[in-house]
Amino acid sequence: MRILHISPYLPSLEANHAGGVCMGKQIQALSEIHEVSVLSFVITKHDKKLAEKLQQGSAGDSRYYFISLSKLQKLFNIITHPWYPAYFSTRSSVRFKKALLSIVREKHIEAIHAEYASMGQYIWIKKLFPNIRFVLTEHDFTEQLYTRKIEKETLKIKRKFLQWQLKLIHHWEQDFCKNADVVITFNDKDQKLIETAYHLDNIRVMNPYYGIDSLIEKNKSQVVPNSICFVGQMGRFENHQAACRLIRIAQKVKEKIPDLQVYIIGNAPSTQLKKLADGWIYVTGFIEDIDAMIQKCEIAVFPLEFGAGIKLKVLRCLALGLPVITTDIGAEGIDEDGRVLFLARSDDEFQTNIEKLLENRALRKACEQNGREFVSRQFSWEVSRCLLKELYQ
């Protein structure tokens, strides 16, 4: 089958964020059987390098197509598409539309695999080509994401703006999902939420790819004693906020564990976050080998207060052998009962769990084994490979 994969972020197994890696794995799996073309956006310098590498690797095949997107262009798209929520309209690109039409016509595309709710806006292609199959992958439930933002927002004017955006999201996300042939979610909870909110019966659940193909043994000689880490794309507000919160918590932990080391791992940290770095707090920015950096640490901590959907960084840290402490938001779709994860809400609960794990080597060892087995058993990529094969017969 001739499939066009479209996405708001560059998809690659070498991407510096979990969503990009997950999309890259889907493209790899689909390409094993089908003829797959890719149309996506290039935003960062790292994206540009990856895009050039992907295009060079498919020389003569011309199956990768990229549209550059600057901050100014995002703003222009928002202004010229006021009927969409800003979260969607940043990707309402005229150049993307033209490229989409051109690829569909020239390559005789039979199916479109669209990633994230924002790419559902291109479902209008079915009106021009009624026989095209349109599969929409919901990485999270956008309506839930904005509901949580509203609950936390204290500024009245910003709260009003978010409420207006939520109404637009409800209308358009429902429209995109209803008109898609199939909607894919990454966990049972999101499936039930979307089914209930939009009265759908076309949803399938896929195990997300969390960044590694097999469970990797930790190199114990490289582990930094009394070290904790946070992992995420630091340009995202929810990750920035959680990282700052972790540093506040860590400052209290350090009173009891003086040689504590904190690693904030992820691309595009803000100037504010960089200023918090000192002799024991490391804000890494972009790094090539994120797994090696994670495995230098003894535990992973995710004090998330915002966001929706499954957190691939949590799965990745479990698979790499780290005990994980997180909130109910970080545990969604993974382990909401706390059988493997350590759940915490308040800063004091996070502090208690961090100290307990750092001071108990035997407990950390048991958690390493339990976490790795849990991820291997519950989140096998082979399940997703079979689903993709079924969807595109």
Protein backbone atom coordinates (compact mmCIF):
# COMPACT_ATOMS: atom_id res chain seq x y z
CA MET A 1 0.00 0.00 0.00
CA ARG A 2 1.19 3.57 -0.70
CA ILE A 3 1.06 5.47 2.61
CA LEU A 4 1.82 9.12 3.41
CA HIS A 5 2.89 9.79 7.00
CA ILE A 6 2.23 13.39 8.12
CA SER A 7 3.27 14.94 11.43
CA PRO A 8 3.71 18.30 13.22
CA TYR A 9 7.22 17.37 14.42
CA LEU A 10 10.04 15.70 12.54
CA PRO A 11 9.76 11.90 12.97
CA SER A 12 13.02 10.04 13.51
CA LEU A 13 14.54 7.40 15.76
CA GLU A 14 17.27 10.01 16.36
CA ALA A 15 14.84 12.77 17.40
CA ASN A 16 15.52 14.49 20.72
CA HIS A 17 11.97 14.06 22.04
CA ALA A 18 9.90 10.97 22.75
CA GLY A 19 7.12 11.75 20.26
CA GLY A 20 9.58 12.04 17.38
CA VAL A 21 11.20 8.71 18.25
CA CYS A 22 7.81 7.01 18.52
CA MET A 23 6.80 8.31 15.08
CA GLY A 24 10.13 7.22 13.64
CA LYS A 25 9.50 3.68 14.86
CA GLN A 26 6.03 3.63 13.28
CA ILE A 27 7.50 4.71 9.93
CA GLN A 28 10.15 2.02 10.21
CA ALA A 29 7.51 -0.66 10.92
CA LEU A 30 5.22 0.50 8.10
CA SER A 31 8.12 0.64 5.63
CA GLU A 32 8.84 -3.05 6.19
CA ILE A 33 5.69 -3.88 4.21
CA HIS A 34 4.49 -0.73 2.46
CA GLU A 35 5.72 2.14 0.30
CA VAL A 36 5.85 5.00 2.82
CA SER A 37 6.40 8.71 2.12
CA VAL A 38 6.88 11.29 4.89
CA LEU A 39 5.73 14.92 5.06
CA SER A 40 6.61 16.89 8.17
CA PHE A 41 7.86 20.19 9.57
CA VAL A 42 11.43 21.27 10.29
CA ILE A 43 11.64 23.68 13.22
CA THR A 44 14.98 23.44 15.05
CA LYS A 45 18.61 23.22 13.92
CA HIS A 46 18.64 19.60 15.08
CA ASP A 47 15.55 18.96 12.92
CA LYS A 48 17.38 20.39 9.91
CA LYS A 49 20.36 18.05 10.41
CA LEU A 50 18.08 15.04 10.79
CA ALA A 51 16.04 16.06 7.75
CA GLU A 52 19.19 16.29 5.60
CA LYS A 53 20.35 12.90 6.88
CA LEU A 54 16.99 11.28 6.11
CA GLN A 55 16.86 12.77 2.63
CA GLN A 56 20.43 11.67 1.87
CA GLY A 57 19.56 8.16 3.04
CA SER A 58 16.66 8.01 0.58
CA ALA A 59 18.56 9.53 -2.36
CA GLY A 60 16.84 8.69 -5.62
CA ASP A 61 13.77 7.60 -3.67
CA SER A 62 12.56 11.12 -2.73
CA ARG A 63 10.19 9.89 -0.05
CA TYR A 64 10.97 12.52 2.61
CA TYR A 65 9.46 16.00 2.30
CA PHE A 66 9.94 18.77 4.86
CA ILE A 67 8.42 22.22 5.37
CA SER A 68 10.44 24.73 7.42
CA LEU A 69 8.50 26.51 10.16
CA SER A 70 9.81 29.55 12.07
CA LYS A 71 8.29 31.33 15.07
CA LEU A 72 7.16 34.15 12.78
CA GLN A 73 5.46 31.67 10.44
CA LYS A 74 3.71 30.03 13.40
CA LEU A 75 2.36 33.43 14.45
CA PHE A 76 1.23 34.14 10.88
CA ASN A 77 -0.58 30.78 10.75
CA ILE A 78 -2.39 31.52 14.02
CA ILE A 79 -3.52 34.97 12.82
CA THR A 80 -4.73 33.70 9.43
CA HIS A 81 -6.58 30.66 10.86
CA PRO A 82 -8.56 32.10 13.81
CA TRP A 83 -11.27 29.41 13.55
CA TYR A 84 -8.76 26.80 14.80
CA PRO A 85 -7.32 26.71 18.32
CA ALA A 86 -3.78 28.12 18.36
CA TYR A 87 -2.47 24.66 19.31
CA PHE A 88 -3.67 23.43 15.89
CA SER A 89 -3.34 26.53 13.70
CA THR A 90 0.45 26.80 14.14
CA ARG A 91 0.57 23.89 11.66
CA SER A 92 -2.01 25.40 9.25
CA SER A 93 0.59 25.95 6.56
CA VAL A 94 -0.29 26.81 2.96
CA ARG A 95 3.00 25.27 1.81
CA PHE A 96 2.17 22.08 3.69
CA LYS A 97 -1.24 21.93 1.99
CA LYS A 98 0.32 22.33 -1.45
CA ALA A 99 2.94 19.67 -0.70
CA LEU A 100 0.26 17.31 0.60
CA LEU A 101 -1.81 17.63 -2.56
CA SER A 102 1.23 17.25 -4.78
CA ILE A 103 2.46 14.08 -3.04
CA VAL A 104 -1.00 12.47 -2.97
CA ARG A 105 -1.41 13.04 -6.71
CA GLU A 106 2.10 12.17 -7.86
CA LYS A 107 2.54 9.06 -5.70
CA HIS A 108 -1.09 7.88 -5.91
CA ILE A 109 -1.35 7.74 -2.11
CA GLU A 110 -3.89 5.22 -0.78
CA ALA A 111 -3.70 6.00 2.97
CA ILE A 112 -2.62 8.86 5.23
CA HIS A 113 -1.20 8.17 8.67
CA ALA A 114 -1.58 11.45 10.62
CA GLU A 115 0.18 12.00 13.95
CA TYR A 116 -1.27 14.19 16.74
CA ALA A 117 -4.71 15.81 16.76
CA SER A 118 -3.38 18.96 15.05
CA MET A 119 -2.77 17.01 11.84
CA GLY A 120 -6.42 16.02 11.75
CA GLN A 121 -7.04 19.39 10.11
CA TYR A 122 -5.76 17.88 6.84
CA ILE A 123 -8.58 15.36 6.75
CA TRP A 124 -10.20 17.57 4.08
CA ILE A 125 -8.03 15.58 1.64
CA LYS A 126 -10.70 12.85 1.81
CA LYS A 127 -13.19 15.18 0.09
CA LEU A 128 -10.89 15.42 -2.91
CA PHE A 129 -9.82 11.77 -2.78
CA PRO A 130 -12.74 9.83 -1.20
CA ASN A 131 -10.98 6.47 -1.40
CA ILE A 132 -8.03 7.55 0.76
CA ARG A 133 -7.91 5.89 4.18
CA PHE A 134 -7.19 8.40 6.97
CA VAL A 135 -5.74 7.09 10.26
CA LEU A 136 -5.34 9.65 13.07
CA THR A 137 -2.97 8.92 15.96
CA GLU A 138 -3.89 10.81 19.16
CA HIS A 139 -0.69 11.07 21.20
CA ASP A 140 -2.77 12.53 24.01
CA PHE A 141 -6.31 13.76 24.56
CA THR A 142 -5.93 17.48 23.76
CA GLU A 143 -9.18 18.44 25.46
CA GLN A 144 -7.98 16.92 28.74
CA LEU A 145 -4.67 18.77 28.41
CA TYR A 146 -6.43 22.15 28.22
CA THR A 147 -8.92 21.28 30.97
CA ARG A 148 -5.99 20.73 33.32
CA LYS A 149 -4.35 23.98 32.26
CA ILE A 150 -7.56 25.85 33.09
CA GLU A 151 -7.80 24.19 36.51
CA LYS A 152 -4.27 25.36 37.39
CA GLU A 153 -4.48 28.85 35.88
CA THR A 154 -4.86 31.72 38.38
CA LEU A 155 -4.83 34.74 36.02
CA LYS A 156 -8.43 35.52 35.08
CA ILE A 157 -7.70 36.84 31.57
CA LYS A 158 -5.52 33.86 30.71
CA ARG A 159 -8.14 31.51 32.14
CA LYS A 160 -10.77 33.09 29.84
CA PHE A 161 -8.47 32.65 26.85
CA LEU A 162 -7.88 28.97 27.68
CA GLN A 163 -11.62 28.38 28.09
CA TRP A 164 -12.20 29.83 24.62
CA GLN A 165 -9.44 27.65 23.21
CA LEU A 166 -10.96 24.60 24.90
CA LYS A 167 -14.29 25.18 23.12
CA LEU A 168 -12.49 25.31 19.78
CA ILE A 169 -10.51 22.18 20.61
CA HIS A 170 -13.65 20.26 21.58
CA HIS A 171 -15.33 21.18 18.30
CA TRP A 172 -12.39 20.42 16.00
CA GLU A 173 -10.88 17.42 17.76
CA GLN A 174 -14.31 15.80 17.74
CA ASP A 175 -14.73 16.61 14.04
CA PHE A 176 -11.30 15.19 13.11
CA CYS A 177 -11.82 11.98 15.11
CA LYS A 178 -15.34 11.37 13.77
CA ASN A 179 -14.25 11.75 10.16
CA ALA A 180 -11.13 9.59 10.47
CA ASP A 181 -11.41 5.96 9.39
CA VAL A 182 -9.50 4.89 12.49
CA VAL A 183 -8.27 6.74 15.59
CA ILE A 184 -5.28 5.33 17.47
CA THR A 185 -4.55 6.07 21.14
CA PHE A 186 -1.59 4.97 23.24
CA ASN A 187 -3.50 3.68 26.27
CA ASP A 188 -6.89 2.35 27.35
CA LYS A 189 -7.67 5.43 29.46
CA ASP A 190 -7.38 7.83 26.51
CA GLN A 191 -9.49 5.47 24.42
CA LYS A 192 -12.30 5.57 26.98
CA LEU A 193 -12.04 9.35 27.44
CA ILE A 194 -12.27 10.02 23.70
CA GLU A 195 -15.04 7.46 23.18
CA THR A 196 -17.09 9.08 25.97
CA ALA A 197 -16.42 12.70 24.95
CA TYR A 198 -17.01 12.24 21.22
CA HIS A 199 -19.25 9.12 21.06
CA LEU A 200 -16.88 7.17 18.82
CA ASP A 201 -16.47 3.49 18.04
CA ASN A 202 -13.49 3.67 15.64
CA ILE A 203 -10.65 3.72 18.22
CA ARG A 204 -7.79 1.24 18.52
CA VAL A 205 -5.06 1.13 21.17
CA MET A 206 -1.37 0.89 20.24
CA ASN A 207 1.62 0.39 22.52
CA PRO A 208 3.85 3.45 22.04
CA TYR A 209 7.52 3.00 21.26
CA TYR A 210 9.46 4.36 24.21
CA GLY A 211 12.88 4.66 22.59
CA ILE A 212 14.72 1.34 22.98
CA ASP A 213 14.33 -1.99 21.23
CA SER A 214 15.57 -4.18 24.07
CA LEU A 215 16.24 -3.89 27.78
CA ILE A 216 19.74 -2.58 28.31
CA GLU A 217 21.86 -3.58 31.29
CA LYS A 218 23.09 -0.59 33.27
CA ASN A 219 26.83 0.01 33.43
CA LYS A 220 27.13 0.13 37.21
CA SER A 221 30.65 1.62 37.08
CA GLN A 222 29.32 4.80 35.44
CA VAL A 223 26.47 5.45 37.88
CA VAL A 224 26.87 8.68 39.88
CA PRO A 225 26.09 8.04 43.57
CA ASN A 226 23.01 9.85 44.95
CA SER A 227 21.98 11.15 41.52
CA ILE A 228 18.48 11.86 40.25
CA CYS A 229 17.27 13.00 36.84
CA PHE A 230 14.38 14.58 34.99
CA VAL A 231 14.02 13.94 31.24
CA GLY A 232 11.97 15.87 28.71
CA GLN A 233 11.77 18.35 25.85
CA MET A 234 12.44 21.43 27.97
CA GLY A 235 10.82 23.79 25.49
CA ARG A 236 7.44 22.42 26.61
CA PHE A 237 5.87 24.34 29.52
CA GLU A 238 4.85 21.25 31.48
CA ASN A 239 8.43 19.92 31.42
CA HIS A 240 9.95 23.29 32.34
CA GLN A 241 7.56 23.67 35.25
CA ALA A 242 8.19 20.13 36.52
CA ALA A 243 11.98 20.53 36.27
CA CYS A 244 11.88 23.76 38.29
CA ARG A 245 9.71 22.00 40.88
CA LEU A 246 12.17 19.11 41.10
CA ILE A 247 15.03 21.52 41.77
CA ARG A 248 13.05 23.09 44.64
CA ILE A 249 12.39 19.63 46.09
CA ALA A 250 16.04 18.62 45.60
CA GLN A 251 17.23 21.62 47.60
CA LYS A 252 15.43 20.16 50.63
CA VAL A 253 16.75 16.64 49.95
CA LYS A 254 20.31 18.00 49.84
CA GLU A 255 20.03 19.02 53.49
CA LYS A 256 19.88 15.30 54.34
CA ILE A 257 21.98 13.96 51.45
CA PRO A 258 24.77 16.55 50.94
CA ASP A 259 26.35 14.87 47.86
CA LEU A 260 23.05 14.84 45.91
CA GLN A 261 23.42 15.37 42.14
CA VAL A 262 20.53 16.51 39.89
CA TYR A 263 20.50 16.12 36.10
CA ILE A 264 17.89 18.00 34.02
CA ILE A 265 18.17 16.22 30.66
CA GLY A 266 16.53 17.60 27.54
CA ASN A 267 16.67 19.97 24.61
CA ALA A 268 15.88 23.72 24.65
CA PRO A 269 16.05 24.62 28.38
CA SER A 270 15.01 28.20 29.12
CA THR A 271 17.38 30.91 30.33
CA GLN A 272 15.56 30.78 33.67
CA LEU A 273 16.26 27.05 34.01
CA LYS A 274 19.91 27.41 32.97
CA LYS A 275 20.43 29.97 35.73
CA LEU A 276 19.44 27.36 38.32
CA ALA A 277 22.42 25.19 37.36
CA ASP A 278 25.37 25.14 39.76
CA GLY A 279 27.94 22.66 41.09
CA TRP A 280 25.36 19.93 41.81
CA ILE A 281 22.52 20.80 39.40
CA TYR A 282 23.26 20.07 35.75
CA VAL A 283 21.06 21.40 32.94
CA THR A 284 22.37 19.44 29.97
CA GLY A 285 20.53 20.88 26.99
CA PHE A 286 20.68 18.70 23.88
CA ILE A 287 22.85 15.58 24.15
CA GLU A 288 23.52 12.89 21.55
CA ASP A 289 23.23 9.80 23.78
CA ILE A 290 20.30 10.42 26.10
CA ASP A 291 20.16 6.80 27.30
CA ALA A 292 23.76 6.90 28.53
CA MET A 293 23.03 10.08 30.47
CA ILE A 294 19.88 8.60 32.04
CA GLN A 295 21.78 5.49 33.10
CA LYS A 296 24.33 7.58 34.98
CA CYS A 297 21.56 8.32 37.48
CA GLU A 298 20.14 6.19 40.29
CA ILE A 299 16.50 7.30 40.06
CA ALA A 300 14.23 9.33 37.76
CA VAL A 301 11.78 11.89 39.14
CA PHE A 302 8.88 13.47 37.24
CA PRO A 303 6.83 15.89 39.40
CA LEU A 304 4.43 16.68 36.54
CA GLU A 305 1.38 18.87 37.17
CA PHE A 306 0.26 19.39 33.57
CA GLY A 307 -0.06 17.32 30.42
CA ALA A 308 -2.18 14.45 29.15
CA GLY A 309 -1.62 11.07 27.60
CA ILE A 310 1.09 8.51 28.21
CA LYS A 311 4.54 9.81 29.17
CA LEU A 312 7.10 7.96 27.07
CA LYS A 313 9.96 9.33 29.17
CA VAL A 314 8.57 7.41 32.15
CA LEU A 315 8.52 4.17 30.15
CA ARG A 316 12.01 4.83 28.85
CA CYS A 317 13.47 5.33 32.32
CA LEU A 318 11.78 2.16 33.60
CA ALA A 319 13.17 0.19 30.65
CA LEU A 320 16.64 1.55 31.33
CA GLY A 321 16.47 0.25 34.89
CA LEU A 322 15.69 3.36 36.95
CA PRO A 323 13.12 3.46 39.74
CA VAL A 324 10.65 6.23 38.87
CA ILE A 325 8.81 8.67 41.14
CA THR A 326 5.98 10.64 39.54
CA THR A 327 2.50 12.09 39.94
CA ASP A 328 -0.79 10.52 38.87
CA ILE A 329 -0.42 12.55 35.64
CA GLY A 330 2.97 10.97 34.94
CA ALA A 331 1.56 7.52 35.69
CA GLU A 332 -1.45 7.80 33.36
CA GLY A 333 -1.80 4.89 31.00
CA ILE A 334 1.24 3.18 32.52
CA ASP A 335 0.77 2.24 36.19
CA GLU A 336 -1.92 4.34 37.84
CA ASP A 337 -2.11 2.04 40.88
CA GLY A 338 1.57 2.45 41.73
CA ARG A 339 2.51 -1.23 41.44
CA VAL A 340 5.85 -0.36 39.82
CA LEU A 341 5.98 3.44 39.96
CA PHE A 342 6.33 5.45 43.19
CA LEU A 343 3.39 7.87 43.22
CA ALA A 344 3.57 11.26 44.96
CA ARG A 345 1.53 14.45 44.99
CA SER A 346 3.05 16.95 47.41
CA ASP A 347 6.65 18.13 47.50
CA ASP A 348 7.03 16.41 50.88
CA GLU A 349 5.92 13.07 49.38
CA PHE A 350 8.45 13.46 46.58
CA GLN A 351 11.18 14.29 49.08
CA THR A 352 10.36 11.26 51.23
CA ASN A 353 10.41 8.89 48.25
CA ILE A 354 13.67 10.30 46.88
CA GLU A 355 15.41 9.91 50.22
CA LYS A 356 13.99 6.40 50.74
CA LEU A 357 15.24 5.19 47.34
CA LEU A 358 18.67 6.83 47.53
CA GLU A 359 19.28 5.39 50.98
CA ASN A 360 18.15 1.83 50.16
CA ARG A 361 20.28 0.10 47.53
CA ALA A 362 18.38 -3.20 47.84
CA LEU A 363 15.08 -1.40 47.14
CA ARG A 364 16.56 0.27 44.05
CA LYS A 365 17.80 -3.11 42.79
CA ALA A 366 14.34 -4.67 43.21
CA CYS A 367 12.73 -1.71 41.45
CA GLU A 368 15.16 -2.01 38.54
CA GLN A 369 14.19 -5.62 37.95
CA ASN A 370 10.44 -5.04 38.43
CA GLY A 371 10.36 -1.99 36.17
CA ARG A 372 12.21 -3.63 33.31
CA GLU A 373 10.04 -6.75 33.44
CA PHE A 374 6.88 -4.62 33.61
CA VAL A 375 7.77 -2.60 30.51
CA SER A 376 8.84 -5.71 28.59
CA ARG A 377 5.58 -7.49 29.46
CA GLN A 378 3.06 -4.64 29.13
CA PHE A 379 4.51 -2.44 26.39
CA SER A 380 5.94 -4.77 23.76
CA TRP A 381 6.42 -3.11 20.35
CA GLU A 382 5.49 -6.35 18.65
CA VAL A 383 1.85 -5.72 19.61
CA SER A 384 1.97 -2.40 17.76
CA ARG A 385 3.68 -3.93 14.75
CA CYS A 386 0.78 -6.40 14.42
CA LEU A 387 -1.80 -3.59 14.76
CA LEU A 388 -0.14 -1.50 12.03
CA LYS A 389 -0.06 -4.55 9.76
CA GLU A 390 -3.77 -5.12 10.39
CA LEU A 391 -4.75 -1.46 9.81
CA TYR A 392 -3.06 -1.31 6.42
CA GLN A 393 -4.04 -4.58 4.77
